[in-house]
Protein backbone atom coordinates (compact mmCIF):
# COMPACT_ATOMS: atom_id res chain seq x y z
CA MET A 1 -5.14 -0.20 7.83
CA GLU A 2 -8.43 -1.18 6.11
CA ILE A 3 -9.99 0.58 2.97
CA ASP A 4 -13.56 0.40 2.11
CA GLY A 5 -14.95 1.11 -1.45
CA VAL A 6 -12.11 0.13 -3.22
CA ASP A 7 -12.89 -1.19 -6.93
CA THR A 8 -10.65 -4.21 -8.13
CA GLY A 9 -8.77 -2.14 -10.38
CA THR A 10 -7.54 0.58 -7.71
CA ALA A 11 -7.09 -2.49 -5.29
CA GLY A 12 -4.28 -3.97 -7.96
CA ARG A 13 -2.52 -0.79 -8.69
CA LEU A 14 -2.30 0.10 -4.92
CA ALA A 15 -0.82 -3.48 -4.29
CA GLY A 16 1.71 -2.97 -7.24
CA LEU A 17 2.64 0.38 -6.26
CA LEU A 18 3.41 -0.95 -2.51
CA MET A 19 5.13 -4.02 -3.70
CA SER A 20 7.22 -1.82 -6.12
CA ALA A 21 7.98 0.45 -3.27
CA ALA A 22 9.10 -2.04 -1.09
CA THR A 23 11.24 -3.79 -3.71
CA HIS A 24 12.84 -0.51 -4.77
CA GLY A 25 13.57 0.90 -1.34
CA ARG A 26 16.19 3.59 -0.81
CA PRO A 27 19.55 2.44 -0.63
CA GLY A 28 20.70 1.63 2.85
CA GLY A 29 17.05 2.23 3.91
CA ALA A 30 15.29 -0.07 6.64
CA PRO A 31 13.54 -2.96 5.11
CA LEU A 32 9.80 -2.73 4.37
CA ARG A 33 7.31 -5.56 4.61
CA ILE A 34 4.13 -5.05 2.96
CA GLU A 35 1.25 -7.50 2.75
CA THR A 36 -2.11 -6.73 1.30
CA ALA A 37 -5.28 -8.39 0.95
CA TYR A 38 -8.43 -7.66 -1.09
CA ASP A 39 -12.26 -8.80 -0.60
CA PRO A 40 -14.16 -8.07 -4.01
CA GLU A 41 -17.30 -9.02 -2.31
CA ARG A 42 -16.92 -6.45 0.40
CA ALA A 43 -14.92 -3.83 -1.82
CA ARG A 44 -12.41 -3.73 0.93
CA MET A 45 -8.56 -3.73 1.01
CA LYS A 46 -6.42 -4.34 4.05
CA VAL A 47 -2.74 -3.12 4.09
CA ILE A 48 -0.31 -3.79 6.61
CA VAL A 49 3.24 -2.04 6.61
CA LEU A 50 5.99 -2.87 8.80
CA GLY A 51 8.95 -0.44 8.35
CA SER A 52 10.17 2.79 10.00
CA PRO A 53 7.87 5.42 10.63
CA GLY A 54 9.23 7.77 7.77
CA ASP A 55 8.99 4.95 5.10
CA THR A 56 5.49 4.17 6.26
CA ALA A 57 4.52 7.75 6.02
CA ARG A 58 5.81 8.15 2.58
CA LEU A 59 3.68 4.92 1.73
CA LEU A 60 0.70 6.37 3.07
CA GLU A 61 1.01 9.57 0.88
CA TYR A 62 1.48 7.28 -2.02
CA MET A 63 -1.79 5.46 -1.09
CA GLU A 64 -3.55 8.72 -0.44
CA GLY A 65 -2.38 10.13 -3.95
CA VAL A 66 -3.71 6.93 -6.04
CA LEU A 67 -7.15 6.81 -3.42
CA ALA A 68 -7.80 10.58 -4.13
CA SER A 69 -7.58 10.35 -8.03
């Protein structure tokens, strides 16, 4: 997913949230792999999530919460 109009602070919060979620996933859950990249010149963030559909949907909801605030 690509997100436009993201400032540096928001990109940092999103990256931290996603990495924490991947590290502290559900016990017995499928592994999550998350990659993020931020381009400050374009204010664009790219997020790649590899995981189960349910875990991916949960992360998208987390991201929506951060971006809506």
